[in-house]
Amino acid sequence: MAEDLRRSAAGAAGVVTQVNHWQGGLAELPDDIWQPGVEVLILADNALTELPARIGSLRRLHTLDLGHNRLTSLPPEIGELTGLSRCLYLHDNRLTSLPESLGRLGRLRYLNVGDNPLGELPGSLGGLTSLVELRAQRSRLSALPDSLGELTSLRELWLRGNRLTGFPPGVRDLRELREVELRENRFREIPGGLRGLPRLRRVDLRGNQVRTLPRWLAELPALEKLDLRWNPLEAGGCAAVTEELERHGCVVLR
């Protein structure tokens, strides 16, 4: 099947633009990926444990899928893939850190690093200035880098199942942010960095430790849904804010 996919991705001149080894049972990288014209490389659902430095030579890649493998680290040369402009999937591996060179991928729009025991995201994250969606669910994060606020194109932020208690101040600069998933973290209050975000539509705070709601929530002009289920909300400290939100058309689940 993979062979058929590779053939279908070849252009008129016979140049292969896509190599697909999804569920190929691979323990190491095959030779057919080292072609100068490859733009899409799919290596998901294999048994890969390492990525060679040579990966940095695939300068035409715009999509790289390494999800669901056994990678424990990434070579710094991954930062040389400056052609990555669509997606980088690194989820469900065994990564304990991400190289600082990742911040060189300034054209990348989608990054998924979820389900890795990372502990932290690199400070160079702010270099991903084209990023529209960031997923880092279940990554053992207890804090986020200050550079998060430099992702001014970001629209979706998915952080379920971490250990977060707050946001860095720069989050207030994410003026394009539409959706934030903070489910199953350790927030005791609504992160103040969300205040004033003009396009924010959905906030998921299920399964945290929030007790009261700030009045500024009702001032968010685009908020459509606020999910507060499984929080120890105090009725007296929430009723006025939730009523005002609902008058504005926001669905509040609690």
Protein backbone atom coordinates (compact mmCIF):
# COMPACT_ATOMS: atom_id res chain seq x y z
CA MET A 1 0.00 0.00 0.00
CA ALA A 2 2.82 2.40 0.86
CA GLU A 3 4.38 1.73 -2.54
CA ASP A 4 1.12 2.66 -4.25
CA LEU A 5 0.96 5.88 -2.26
CA ARG A 6 4.50 6.77 -3.24
CA ARG A 7 3.76 6.18 -6.90
CA SER A 8 0.62 8.31 -6.75
CA ALA A 9 2.64 11.17 -5.30
CA ALA A 10 5.17 11.18 -8.13
CA GLY A 11 4.88 13.98 -10.63
CA ALA A 12 5.12 13.81 -14.40
CA ALA A 13 8.90 13.92 -14.26
CA GLY A 14 8.96 10.99 -11.84
CA VAL A 15 9.96 13.13 -8.86
CA VAL A 16 8.54 11.69 -5.64
CA THR A 17 6.95 14.38 -3.46
CA GLN A 18 5.36 12.14 -0.80
CA VAL A 19 6.74 9.12 1.04
CA ASN A 20 4.26 7.28 3.24
CA HIS A 21 5.36 4.53 5.65
CA TRP A 22 2.42 4.71 8.03
CA GLN A 23 2.23 1.51 10.11
CA GLY A 24 5.15 0.08 8.21
CA GLY A 25 6.74 -1.76 11.13
CA LEU A 26 9.91 0.32 10.77
CA ALA A 27 12.66 0.31 13.39
CA GLU A 28 14.93 2.53 11.32
CA LEU A 29 14.51 4.95 8.46
CA PRO A 30 14.37 3.42 4.96
CA ASP A 31 16.55 4.67 2.14
CA ASP A 32 13.67 5.88 0.00
CA ILE A 33 13.06 8.95 2.18
CA TRP A 34 16.37 10.56 1.21
CA GLN A 35 15.10 12.03 -2.02
CA PRO A 36 15.58 15.75 -2.67
CA GLY A 37 12.02 16.33 -3.88
CA VAL A 38 10.17 14.91 -0.87
CA GLU A 39 7.66 17.39 0.54
CA VAL A 40 5.50 15.10 2.72
CA LEU A 41 7.06 12.40 4.90
CA ILE A 42 4.76 10.14 6.94
CA LEU A 43 6.47 7.82 9.41
CA ALA A 44 3.67 7.52 11.96
CA ASP A 45 2.85 4.36 13.90
CA ASN A 46 6.19 2.62 13.64
CA ALA A 47 8.90 1.55 16.09
CA LEU A 48 11.46 4.29 15.46
CA THR A 49 13.72 5.02 18.43
CA GLU A 50 16.00 7.66 16.92
CA LEU A 51 16.13 10.22 14.15
CA PRO A 52 19.48 10.70 12.38
CA ALA A 53 21.03 14.13 11.94
CA ARG A 54 20.64 13.61 8.20
CA ILE A 55 16.94 14.50 8.58
CA GLY A 56 18.01 18.12 8.28
CA SER A 57 18.87 17.59 4.62
CA LEU A 58 15.20 17.25 3.61
CA ARG A 59 14.84 20.99 3.04
CA ARG A 60 11.72 20.73 0.86
CA LEU A 61 9.57 19.06 3.51
CA HIS A 62 6.45 21.00 4.40
CA THR A 63 4.85 18.15 6.42
CA LEU A 64 6.56 15.65 8.73
CA ASP A 65 4.64 13.04 10.73
CA LEU A 66 6.61 11.18 13.40
CA GLY A 67 3.70 10.52 15.72
CA HIS A 68 3.22 7.22 17.58
CA ASN A 69 6.82 6.03 17.62
CA ARG A 70 9.42 5.43 20.36
CA LEU A 71 11.63 8.47 19.90
CA THR A 72 13.43 9.60 23.06
CA SER A 73 15.14 12.66 21.56
CA LEU A 74 15.38 14.77 18.42
CA PRO A 75 18.61 15.90 16.77
CA PRO A 76 19.23 19.66 16.66
CA GLU A 77 19.30 19.35 12.88
CA ILE A 78 15.51 19.26 12.89
CA GLY A 79 15.78 23.02 13.06
CA GLU A 80 17.25 22.97 9.55
CA LEU A 81 13.87 21.91 8.12
CA THR A 82 12.98 25.53 7.46
CA GLY A 83 10.66 24.47 4.64
CA LEU A 84 8.21 22.99 7.19
CA SER A 85 5.21 25.24 6.66
CA ARG A 86 2.23 22.97 7.35
CA CYS A 87 2.49 20.29 10.04
CA LEU A 88 4.97 18.70 12.42
CA TYR A 89 3.58 15.74 14.37
CA LEU A 90 5.70 14.51 17.29
CA HIS A 91 2.93 13.26 19.57
CA ASP A 92 2.90 9.96 21.43
CA ASN A 93 6.62 9.31 21.60
CA ARG A 94 9.02 9.18 24.56
CA LEU A 95 10.55 12.62 24.20
CA THR A 96 11.87 14.15 27.42
CA SER A 97 12.89 17.45 25.80
CA LEU A 98 12.68 19.39 22.55
CA PRO A 99 15.77 20.99 20.98
CA GLU A 100 16.09 24.77 21.08
CA SER A 101 16.63 24.63 17.31
CA LEU A 102 12.89 23.95 16.96
CA GLY A 103 12.43 27.70 17.21
CA ARG A 104 13.96 28.12 13.76
CA LEU A 105 10.84 26.69 12.11
CA GLY A 106 9.32 30.09 11.60
CA ARG A 107 6.98 29.01 8.79
CA LEU A 108 5.35 26.10 10.67
CA ARG A 109 1.58 26.39 11.22
CA TYR A 110 0.69 23.23 13.22
CA LEU A 111 2.72 21.56 15.96
CA ASN A 112 1.67 18.57 18.05
CA VAL A 113 4.06 17.45 20.82
CA GLY A 114 1.42 15.91 23.08
CA ASP A 115 1.70 12.66 25.02
CA ASN A 116 5.42 12.96 25.65
CA PRO A 117 7.05 13.23 29.12
CA LEU A 118 8.56 16.61 28.26
CA GLY A 119 8.29 18.50 31.53
CA GLU A 120 8.78 21.81 29.70
CA LEU A 121 8.67 23.48 26.31
CA PRO A 122 11.82 25.18 24.95
CA GLY A 123 12.30 28.91 25.41
CA SER A 124 12.83 29.17 21.66
CA LEU A 125 9.13 28.38 21.12
CA GLY A 126 8.52 32.04 20.38
CA GLY A 127 10.38 31.66 17.10
CA LEU A 128 7.39 29.78 15.64
CA THR A 129 5.74 33.03 14.64
CA SER A 130 3.50 31.45 11.96
CA LEU A 131 2.06 28.84 14.34
CA VAL A 132 -1.74 28.67 14.25
CA GLU A 133 -2.29 25.60 16.44
CA LEU A 134 -0.20 24.19 19.29
CA ARG A 135 -1.00 20.89 20.99
CA ALA A 136 0.90 19.81 24.09
CA GLN A 137 -1.60 17.66 25.96
CA ARG A 138 -0.41 15.30 28.69
CA SER A 139 3.20 16.50 28.53
CA ARG A 140 3.88 16.94 32.27
CA LEU A 141 4.09 20.71 31.93
CA SER A 142 4.02 22.72 35.15
CA ALA A 143 4.76 26.05 33.45
CA LEU A 144 4.89 27.58 29.99
CA PRO A 145 7.79 29.60 28.57
CA ASP A 146 7.56 33.39 28.56
CA SER A 147 8.08 33.28 24.81
CA LEU A 148 4.59 31.82 24.34
CA GLY A 149 3.32 35.37 23.99
CA GLU A 150 5.38 35.79 20.82
CA LEU A 151 3.14 33.35 18.93
CA THR A 152 0.97 36.17 17.67
CA SER A 153 -0.64 34.08 14.90
CA LEU A 154 -1.82 31.39 17.35
CA ARG A 155 -5.54 30.52 17.18
CA GLU A 156 -5.78 27.27 19.15
CA LEU A 157 -3.93 26.17 22.28
CA TRP A 158 -4.50 22.61 23.59
CA LEU A 159 -2.96 21.83 27.00
CA ARG A 160 -5.16 19.18 28.57
CA GLY A 161 -3.79 16.91 31.28
CA ASN A 162 -0.77 18.90 32.48
CA ARG A 163 0.18 20.47 35.85
CA LEU A 164 -0.36 24.10 34.97
CA THR A 165 -1.38 26.65 37.58
CA GLY A 166 -0.97 29.83 35.53
CA PHE A 167 0.06 31.51 32.28
CA PRO A 168 3.06 33.73 31.50
CA PRO A 169 2.16 37.45 31.20
CA GLY A 170 2.78 37.48 27.45
CA VAL A 171 -0.36 35.45 26.76
CA ARG A 172 -2.26 38.73 26.67
CA ASP A 173 -0.51 39.42 23.34
CA LEU A 174 -2.15 36.42 21.63
CA ARG A 175 -4.76 38.58 19.96
CA GLU A 176 -5.70 35.91 17.40
CA LEU A 177 -6.42 33.22 20.00
CA ARG A 178 -9.84 31.57 19.49
CA GLU A 179 -9.80 28.36 21.53
CA VAL A 180 -8.02 27.33 24.74
CA GLU A 181 -8.22 23.87 26.27
CA LEU A 182 -6.95 23.77 29.87
CA ARG A 183 -8.85 20.71 31.01
CA GLU A 184 -7.41 18.62 33.86
CA ASN A 185 -4.74 21.01 35.08
CA ARG A 186 -4.32 22.74 38.46
CA PHE A 187 -5.76 26.19 37.87
CA ARG A 188 -7.31 27.81 40.94
CA GLU A 189 -8.52 30.80 38.97
CA ILE A 190 -9.19 31.88 35.41
CA PRO A 191 -5.79 32.81 33.91
CA GLY A 192 -5.55 36.59 33.87
CA GLY A 193 -3.67 36.47 30.58
CA LEU A 194 -6.95 35.72 28.80
CA ARG A 195 -8.37 39.09 29.79
CA GLY A 196 -9.14 41.34 26.87
CA LEU A 197 -8.45 38.81 24.10
CA PRO A 198 -10.78 40.05 21.36
CA ARG A 199 -11.31 36.80 19.39
CA LEU A 200 -11.43 34.25 22.20
CA ARG A 201 -14.50 32.04 21.65
CA ARG A 202 -14.09 28.88 23.71
CA VAL A 203 -12.38 28.16 27.02
CA ASP A 204 -12.34 24.64 28.48
CA LEU A 205 -11.38 24.52 32.16
CA ARG A 206 -13.00 21.24 33.13
CA GLY A 207 -11.47 19.37 36.02
CA ASN A 208 -9.48 22.18 37.63
CA GLN A 209 -9.74 23.87 41.05
CA VAL A 210 -11.49 27.12 40.10
CA ARG A 211 -13.76 28.54 42.82
CA THR A 212 -14.67 32.05 41.67
CA LEU A 213 -14.95 33.92 38.38
CA PRO A 214 -13.51 37.37 37.62
CA ARG A 215 -15.90 40.02 36.31
CA TRP A 216 -13.72 40.66 33.28
CA LEU A 217 -14.90 37.35 31.80
CA ALA A 218 -18.18 39.01 30.88
CA GLU A 219 -16.21 41.65 28.95
CA LEU A 220 -14.73 39.17 26.45
CA PRO A 221 -16.54 40.23 23.26
CA ALA A 222 -16.39 36.94 21.32
CA LEU A 223 -16.77 34.34 24.09
CA GLU A 224 -19.28 31.67 23.04
CA LYS A 225 -18.59 28.79 25.42
CA LEU A 226 -17.06 28.51 28.89
CA ASP A 227 -16.81 24.98 30.28
CA LEU A 228 -16.33 24.91 34.06
CA ARG A 229 -17.59 21.44 34.88
CA TRP A 230 -15.88 19.51 37.68
CA ASN A 231 -14.57 22.61 39.45
CA PRO A 232 -15.41 23.47 43.10
CA LEU A 233 -17.27 26.64 42.10
CA GLU A 234 -18.71 28.78 44.85
CA ALA A 235 -22.25 29.77 43.90
CA GLY A 236 -22.01 33.18 45.50
CA GLY A 237 -18.80 34.05 43.66
CA CYS A 238 -19.96 32.95 40.22
CA ALA A 239 -23.67 33.63 39.77
CA ALA A 240 -23.46 37.28 38.71
CA VAL A 241 -20.72 36.64 36.15
CA THR A 242 -22.35 33.55 34.64
CA GLU A 243 -25.71 35.31 34.38
CA GLU A 244 -24.12 38.20 32.53
CA LEU A 245 -22.25 35.86 30.20
CA GLU A 246 -25.45 34.02 29.39
CA ARG A 247 -27.24 37.30 28.66
CA HIS A 248 -24.56 37.93 26.07
CA GLY A 249 -25.22 34.55 24.46
CA CYS A 250 -22.32 32.61 25.97
CA VAL A 251 -22.97 29.00 26.94
CA VAL A 252 -21.65 28.38 30.45
CA LEU A 253 -21.37 24.78 31.63
CA ARG A 254 -20.86 24.26 35.36
